[in-house]
Amino acid sequence: MVVNHLLSFSANMDPAKLQAQLEILKPGIYCGRAILHGVTYGMSLSVGWSPFYNNPEKTVEAHLLHSFEEDFYGATLQVVVEGFIREESSFNSLDELIAAIEADNTASRQWFSAHQSEV
């Protein structure tokens, strides 16, 4: 788990354990729910090659829309993908990437707020 300057917590998930799911999901940004220690949080989920970083492998990174007091490295994280935000894209600068992640997280927060009663 990494705390980043976007005020969200991100979890890089092991793509080897997600092969069947990765074949279904096209590269892009999704919204939905993450379940950690039995508690449900809104999340944004990035699936793809992270073209800004030229990743050679398909990766999965969940951004949990919550501030945590402690990290959750090594914990089991369940994710439920419930909506598509946008296709994966590359950016000309880190600032453009950060702005896109912030916009994705805003869209996910709005989606989660609208659907929170369905938890």
N, C-alpha and C. Protein backbone atom coordinates (compact mmCIF):
# COMPACT_ATOMS: atom_id res chain seq x y z
N MET A 1 0.84 -1.16 0.00
CA MET A 1 0.00 0.00 0.00
C MET A 1 0.89 1.23 0.00
N VAL A 2 0.49 2.18 -0.76
CA VAL A 2 1.27 3.40 -0.89
C VAL A 2 0.36 4.59 -0.60
N VAL A 3 0.83 5.50 0.24
CA VAL A 3 0.10 6.74 0.46
C VAL A 3 0.69 7.74 -0.53
N ASN A 4 -0.16 8.33 -1.33
CA ASN A 4 0.38 9.28 -2.30
C ASN A 4 -0.18 10.67 -2.04
N HIS A 5 0.31 11.63 -2.77
CA HIS A 5 -0.07 13.01 -2.56
C HIS A 5 -1.48 13.33 -3.09
N LEU A 6 -2.19 12.32 -3.58
CA LEU A 6 -3.55 12.53 -4.06
C LEU A 6 -4.58 12.33 -2.95
N LEU A 7 -4.10 12.08 -1.75
CA LEU A 7 -4.97 11.86 -0.60
C LEU A 7 -5.88 10.66 -0.79
N SER A 8 -5.39 9.67 -1.49
CA SER A 8 -6.07 8.38 -1.55
C SER A 8 -5.02 7.33 -1.27
N PHE A 9 -5.45 6.17 -0.86
CA PHE A 9 -4.53 5.08 -0.61
C PHE A 9 -4.62 4.14 -1.79
N SER A 10 -3.50 3.72 -2.31
CA SER A 10 -3.53 2.82 -3.45
C SER A 10 -2.93 1.48 -3.09
N ALA A 11 -3.48 0.46 -3.72
CA ALA A 11 -3.01 -0.90 -3.50
C ALA A 11 -2.69 -1.50 -4.86
N ASN A 12 -1.45 -1.88 -5.05
CA ASN A 12 -1.07 -2.57 -6.27
C ASN A 12 -1.38 -4.05 -6.06
N MET A 13 -2.21 -4.58 -6.93
CA MET A 13 -2.68 -5.94 -6.79
C MET A 13 -1.87 -6.86 -7.69
N ASP A 14 -1.70 -8.10 -7.29
CA ASP A 14 -0.89 -9.07 -8.01
C ASP A 14 -1.64 -9.54 -9.26
N PRO A 15 -1.20 -9.12 -10.46
CA PRO A 15 -1.91 -9.51 -11.67
C PRO A 15 -1.89 -11.02 -11.92
N ALA A 16 -0.88 -11.73 -11.41
CA ALA A 16 -0.81 -13.17 -11.60
C ALA A 16 -2.00 -13.87 -10.95
N LYS A 17 -2.52 -13.30 -9.87
CA LYS A 17 -3.66 -13.89 -9.17
C LYS A 17 -4.99 -13.46 -9.78
N LEU A 18 -4.94 -12.56 -10.76
CA LEU A 18 -6.17 -12.00 -11.32
C LEU A 18 -6.30 -12.27 -12.82
N GLN A 19 -5.61 -13.27 -13.33
CA GLN A 19 -5.57 -13.48 -14.77
C GLN A 19 -6.95 -13.61 -15.41
N ALA A 20 -7.83 -14.41 -14.82
CA ALA A 20 -9.16 -14.60 -15.41
C ALA A 20 -9.92 -13.28 -15.46
N GLN A 21 -9.85 -12.51 -14.38
CA GLN A 21 -10.56 -11.23 -14.34
C GLN A 21 -9.94 -10.23 -15.31
N LEU A 22 -8.62 -10.25 -15.44
CA LEU A 22 -7.95 -9.31 -16.34
C LEU A 22 -8.30 -9.56 -17.79
N GLU A 23 -8.62 -10.80 -18.12
CA GLU A 23 -9.00 -11.10 -19.50
C GLU A 23 -10.36 -10.50 -19.83
N ILE A 24 -11.20 -10.32 -18.83
CA ILE A 24 -12.54 -9.78 -19.03
C ILE A 24 -12.52 -8.25 -19.11
N LEU A 25 -11.72 -7.62 -18.27
CA LEU A 25 -11.70 -6.16 -18.18
C LEU A 25 -10.78 -5.55 -19.23
N LYS A 26 -11.32 -4.65 -20.02
CA LYS A 26 -10.46 -3.95 -20.97
C LYS A 26 -9.67 -2.89 -20.20
N PRO A 27 -8.52 -2.47 -20.72
CA PRO A 27 -7.75 -1.44 -20.03
C PRO A 27 -8.57 -0.17 -19.85
N GLY A 28 -8.48 0.39 -18.64
CA GLY A 28 -9.20 1.61 -18.37
C GLY A 28 -9.34 1.86 -16.88
N ILE A 29 -10.15 2.83 -16.56
CA ILE A 29 -10.39 3.23 -15.18
C ILE A 29 -11.83 2.90 -14.84
N TYR A 30 -12.00 2.24 -13.71
CA TYR A 30 -13.31 1.77 -13.27
C TYR A 30 -13.63 2.35 -11.89
N CYS A 31 -14.90 2.30 -11.51
CA CYS A 31 -15.29 2.65 -10.15
C CYS A 31 -16.01 1.47 -9.54
N GLY A 32 -16.08 1.49 -8.24
CA GLY A 32 -16.76 0.41 -7.55
C GLY A 32 -16.49 0.45 -6.07
N ARG A 33 -16.38 -0.73 -5.50
CA ARG A 33 -16.22 -0.87 -4.05
C ARG A 33 -15.00 -1.73 -3.75
N ALA A 34 -14.33 -1.38 -2.68
CA ALA A 34 -13.23 -2.20 -2.17
C ALA A 34 -13.60 -2.61 -0.75
N ILE A 35 -13.39 -3.87 -0.45
CA ILE A 35 -13.71 -4.38 0.88
C ILE A 35 -12.40 -4.76 1.56
N LEU A 36 -12.16 -4.11 2.68
CA LEU A 36 -10.92 -4.30 3.44
C LEU A 36 -11.30 -4.51 4.91
N HIS A 37 -10.88 -5.63 5.47
CA HIS A 37 -11.20 -5.95 6.86
C HIS A 37 -12.70 -5.87 7.13
N GLY A 38 -13.52 -6.27 6.15
CA GLY A 38 -14.96 -6.30 6.33
C GLY A 38 -15.66 -4.97 6.16
N VAL A 39 -14.93 -3.92 5.83
CA VAL A 39 -15.51 -2.59 5.64
C VAL A 39 -15.46 -2.23 4.16
N THR A 40 -16.54 -1.67 3.66
CA THR A 40 -16.64 -1.32 2.24
C THR A 40 -16.30 0.16 2.04
N TYR A 41 -15.44 0.42 1.05
CA TYR A 41 -15.03 1.78 0.70
C TYR A 41 -15.26 1.98 -0.79
N GLY A 42 -15.48 3.22 -1.19
CA GLY A 42 -15.49 3.53 -2.61
C GLY A 42 -14.07 3.42 -3.15
N MET A 43 -13.97 3.16 -4.44
CA MET A 43 -12.63 3.05 -5.03
C MET A 43 -12.66 3.38 -6.51
N SER A 44 -11.48 3.76 -7.00
CA SER A 44 -11.20 3.81 -8.43
C SER A 44 -10.24 2.67 -8.69
N LEU A 45 -10.37 2.05 -9.84
CA LEU A 45 -9.51 0.92 -10.18
C LEU A 45 -8.91 1.15 -11.56
N SER A 46 -7.59 1.13 -11.62
CA SER A 46 -6.88 1.26 -12.89
C SER A 46 -6.45 -0.13 -13.35
N VAL A 47 -6.84 -0.47 -14.58
CA VAL A 47 -6.46 -1.75 -15.17
C VAL A 47 -5.77 -1.45 -16.49
N GLY A 48 -4.56 -1.93 -16.65
CA GLY A 48 -3.87 -1.72 -17.92
C GLY A 48 -2.37 -1.67 -17.80
N TRP A 49 -1.75 -1.04 -18.77
CA TRP A 49 -0.29 -1.02 -18.86
C TRP A 49 0.31 0.28 -18.35
N SER A 50 -0.47 1.17 -17.82
CA SER A 50 0.03 2.46 -17.33
C SER A 50 1.00 3.07 -18.34
N PRO A 51 0.50 3.50 -19.49
CA PRO A 51 1.38 3.95 -20.57
C PRO A 51 2.33 5.08 -20.19
N PHE A 52 1.96 5.91 -19.23
CA PHE A 52 2.87 6.98 -18.81
C PHE A 52 4.18 6.40 -18.29
N TYR A 53 4.08 5.23 -17.65
CA TYR A 53 5.26 4.57 -17.08
C TYR A 53 5.81 3.46 -17.97
N ASN A 54 5.20 3.23 -19.12
CA ASN A 54 5.65 2.20 -20.07
C ASN A 54 5.75 0.82 -19.42
N ASN A 55 4.74 0.45 -18.63
CA ASN A 55 4.76 -0.87 -17.99
C ASN A 55 4.67 -1.97 -19.04
N PRO A 56 5.53 -2.99 -18.94
CA PRO A 56 5.48 -4.09 -19.91
C PRO A 56 4.37 -5.10 -19.60
N GLU A 57 3.82 -5.06 -18.39
CA GLU A 57 2.78 -6.01 -17.99
C GLU A 57 1.51 -5.26 -17.61
N LYS A 58 0.40 -5.93 -17.79
CA LYS A 58 -0.88 -5.37 -17.37
C LYS A 58 -0.90 -5.32 -15.84
N THR A 59 -1.29 -4.18 -15.30
CA THR A 59 -1.30 -4.00 -13.85
C THR A 59 -2.70 -3.65 -13.37
N VAL A 60 -2.90 -3.83 -12.08
CA VAL A 60 -4.16 -3.48 -11.43
C VAL A 60 -3.83 -2.67 -10.19
N GLU A 61 -4.39 -1.47 -10.10
CA GLU A 61 -4.15 -0.62 -8.93
C GLU A 61 -5.47 -0.03 -8.46
N ALA A 62 -5.80 -0.32 -7.21
CA ALA A 62 -7.02 0.20 -6.61
C ALA A 62 -6.68 1.42 -5.77
N HIS A 63 -7.44 2.49 -5.96
CA HIS A 63 -7.31 3.70 -5.14
C HIS A 63 -8.52 3.72 -4.20
N LEU A 64 -8.28 3.46 -2.93
CA LEU A 64 -9.36 3.48 -1.94
C LEU A 64 -9.63 4.93 -1.53
N LEU A 65 -10.88 5.30 -1.57
CA LEU A 65 -11.28 6.68 -1.34
C LEU A 65 -11.56 6.90 0.15
N HIS A 66 -10.52 6.74 0.93
CA HIS A 66 -10.62 6.84 2.39
C HIS A 66 -9.22 7.14 2.93
N SER A 67 -9.14 7.83 4.03
CA SER A 67 -7.86 8.06 4.70
C SER A 67 -7.72 7.04 5.82
N PHE A 68 -6.60 6.34 5.83
CA PHE A 68 -6.35 5.30 6.82
C PHE A 68 -5.26 5.76 7.77
N GLU A 69 -5.38 5.36 9.03
CA GLU A 69 -4.35 5.67 10.03
C GLU A 69 -3.12 4.78 9.86
N GLU A 70 -3.33 3.56 9.38
CA GLU A 70 -2.23 2.60 9.21
C GLU A 70 -2.28 2.04 7.80
N ASP A 71 -1.17 1.47 7.37
CA ASP A 71 -1.18 0.86 6.05
C ASP A 71 -1.86 -0.51 6.12
N PHE A 72 -2.16 -1.05 4.96
CA PHE A 72 -2.80 -2.36 4.91
C PHE A 72 -2.02 -3.31 4.00
N TYR A 73 -0.73 -3.11 3.98
CA TYR A 73 0.16 -3.95 3.17
C TYR A 73 -0.02 -5.42 3.57
N GLY A 74 -0.22 -6.29 2.58
CA GLY A 74 -0.37 -7.71 2.83
C GLY A 74 -1.78 -8.14 3.18
N ALA A 75 -2.69 -7.19 3.39
CA ALA A 75 -4.08 -7.53 3.73
C ALA A 75 -4.82 -8.01 2.48
N THR A 76 -5.85 -8.79 2.71
CA THR A 76 -6.71 -9.22 1.61
C THR A 76 -7.65 -8.08 1.25
N LEU A 77 -7.69 -7.76 -0.02
CA LEU A 77 -8.53 -6.68 -0.53
C LEU A 77 -9.43 -7.27 -1.60
N GLN A 78 -10.73 -7.13 -1.40
CA GLN A 78 -11.69 -7.56 -2.41
C GLN A 78 -12.16 -6.32 -3.15
N VAL A 79 -12.27 -6.43 -4.47
CA VAL A 79 -12.78 -5.30 -5.24
C VAL A 79 -13.98 -5.75 -6.05
N VAL A 80 -14.94 -4.87 -6.15
CA VAL A 80 -16.14 -5.11 -6.94
C VAL A 80 -16.21 -3.98 -7.97
N VAL A 81 -16.00 -4.34 -9.22
CA VAL A 81 -16.03 -3.36 -10.31
C VAL A 81 -17.49 -3.17 -10.71
N GLU A 82 -17.95 -1.92 -10.67
CA GLU A 82 -19.36 -1.67 -10.93
C GLU A 82 -19.62 -0.64 -12.02
N GLY A 83 -18.60 0.08 -12.45
CA GLY A 83 -18.81 1.08 -13.49
C GLY A 83 -17.51 1.41 -14.21
N PHE A 84 -17.64 1.86 -15.45
CA PHE A 84 -16.49 2.24 -16.27
C PHE A 84 -16.42 3.76 -16.33
N ILE A 85 -15.24 4.31 -16.05
CA ILE A 85 -15.07 5.77 -16.08
C ILE A 85 -14.50 6.23 -17.42
N ARG A 86 -13.38 5.63 -17.83
CA ARG A 86 -12.76 6.06 -19.09
C ARG A 86 -11.75 5.02 -19.55
N GLU A 87 -11.34 5.16 -20.80
CA GLU A 87 -10.30 4.30 -21.35
C GLU A 87 -8.95 4.72 -20.80
N GLU A 88 -8.01 3.79 -20.81
CA GLU A 88 -6.65 4.08 -20.40
C GLU A 88 -6.03 5.03 -21.43
N SER A 89 -5.22 5.96 -20.94
CA SER A 89 -4.55 6.89 -21.85
C SER A 89 -3.20 7.28 -21.28
N SER A 90 -2.37 7.83 -22.14
CA SER A 90 -1.06 8.31 -21.70
C SER A 90 -1.14 9.82 -21.50
N PHE A 91 -0.16 10.35 -20.81
CA PHE A 91 -0.16 11.78 -20.50
C PHE A 91 1.20 12.37 -20.81
N ASN A 92 1.21 13.66 -21.12
CA ASN A 92 2.46 14.33 -21.47
C ASN A 92 3.30 14.71 -20.27
N SER A 93 2.70 14.71 -19.09
CA SER A 93 3.45 15.10 -17.89
C SER A 93 2.84 14.41 -16.67
N LEU A 94 3.61 14.40 -15.60
CA LEU A 94 3.12 13.86 -14.34
C LEU A 94 1.95 14.69 -13.83
N ASP A 95 2.00 16.00 -14.03
CA ASP A 95 0.89 16.86 -13.60
C ASP A 95 -0.41 16.50 -14.30
N GLU A 96 -0.34 16.17 -15.60
CA GLU A 96 -1.54 15.74 -16.33
C GLU A 96 -2.06 14.42 -15.78
N LEU A 97 -1.16 13.49 -15.47
CA LEU A 97 -1.55 12.21 -14.89
C LEU A 97 -2.23 12.42 -13.54
N ILE A 98 -1.65 13.24 -12.70
CA ILE A 98 -2.22 13.51 -11.37
C ILE A 98 -3.61 14.14 -11.51
N ALA A 99 -3.77 15.07 -12.43
CA ALA A 99 -5.08 15.71 -12.64
C ALA A 99 -6.11 14.68 -13.09
N ALA A 100 -5.70 13.75 -13.95
CA ALA A 100 -6.63 12.71 -14.41
C ALA A 100 -7.02 11.78 -13.27
N ILE A 101 -6.04 11.40 -12.43
CA ILE A 101 -6.35 10.54 -11.29
C ILE A 101 -7.30 11.25 -10.33
N GLU A 102 -7.07 12.52 -10.10
CA GLU A 102 -7.98 13.28 -9.22
C GLU A 102 -9.38 13.33 -9.81
N ALA A 103 -9.49 13.53 -11.12
CA ALA A 103 -10.81 13.55 -11.77
C ALA A 103 -11.47 12.17 -11.68
N ASP A 104 -10.68 11.11 -11.87
CA ASP A 104 -11.20 9.74 -11.76
C ASP A 104 -11.72 9.49 -10.34
N ASN A 105 -10.96 9.91 -9.35
CA ASN A 105 -11.38 9.72 -7.96
C ASN A 105 -12.63 10.53 -7.64
N THR A 106 -12.74 11.71 -8.20
CA THR A 106 -13.95 12.52 -8.02
C THR A 106 -15.15 11.80 -8.62
N ALA A 107 -15.00 11.27 -9.82
CA ALA A 107 -16.10 10.52 -10.47
C ALA A 107 -16.46 9.30 -9.64
N SER A 108 -15.46 8.61 -9.10
CA SER A 108 -15.73 7.43 -8.27
C SER A 108 -16.44 7.81 -6.98
N ARG A 109 -16.02 8.90 -6.36
CA ARG A 109 -16.69 9.36 -5.13
C ARG A 109 -18.16 9.68 -5.41
N GLN A 110 -18.42 10.34 -6.53
CA GLN A 110 -19.80 10.68 -6.88
C GLN A 110 -20.61 9.40 -7.11
N TRP A 111 -20.03 8.44 -7.81
CA TRP A 111 -20.72 7.18 -8.06
C TRP A 111 -21.00 6.48 -6.74
N PHE A 112 -19.97 6.36 -5.89
CA PHE A 112 -20.12 5.65 -4.62
C PHE A 112 -21.16 6.34 -3.73
N SER A 113 -21.15 7.65 -3.70
CA SER A 113 -22.11 8.41 -2.89
C SER A 113 -23.54 8.13 -3.36
N ALA A 114 -23.73 8.05 -4.66
CA ALA A 114 -25.05 7.81 -5.22
C ALA A 114 -25.52 6.38 -4.98
N HIS A 115 -24.59 5.44 -4.81
CA HIS A 115 -24.93 4.02 -4.67
C HIS A 115 -24.61 3.43 -3.30
N GLN A 116 -24.24 4.25 -2.36
CA GLN A 116 -23.81 3.77 -1.05
C GLN A 116 -24.89 2.98 -0.33
N SER A 117 -26.14 3.33 -0.51
CA SER A 117 -27.21 2.62 0.17
C SER A 117 -27.35 1.18 -0.33
N GLU A 118 -26.71 0.86 -1.46
CA GLU A 118 -26.79 -0.49 -2.02
C GLU A 118 -25.72 -1.41 -1.45
N VAL A 119 -24.92 -0.92 -0.51
CA VAL A 119 -23.84 -1.74 0.07
C VAL A 119 -24.44 -2.88 0.85
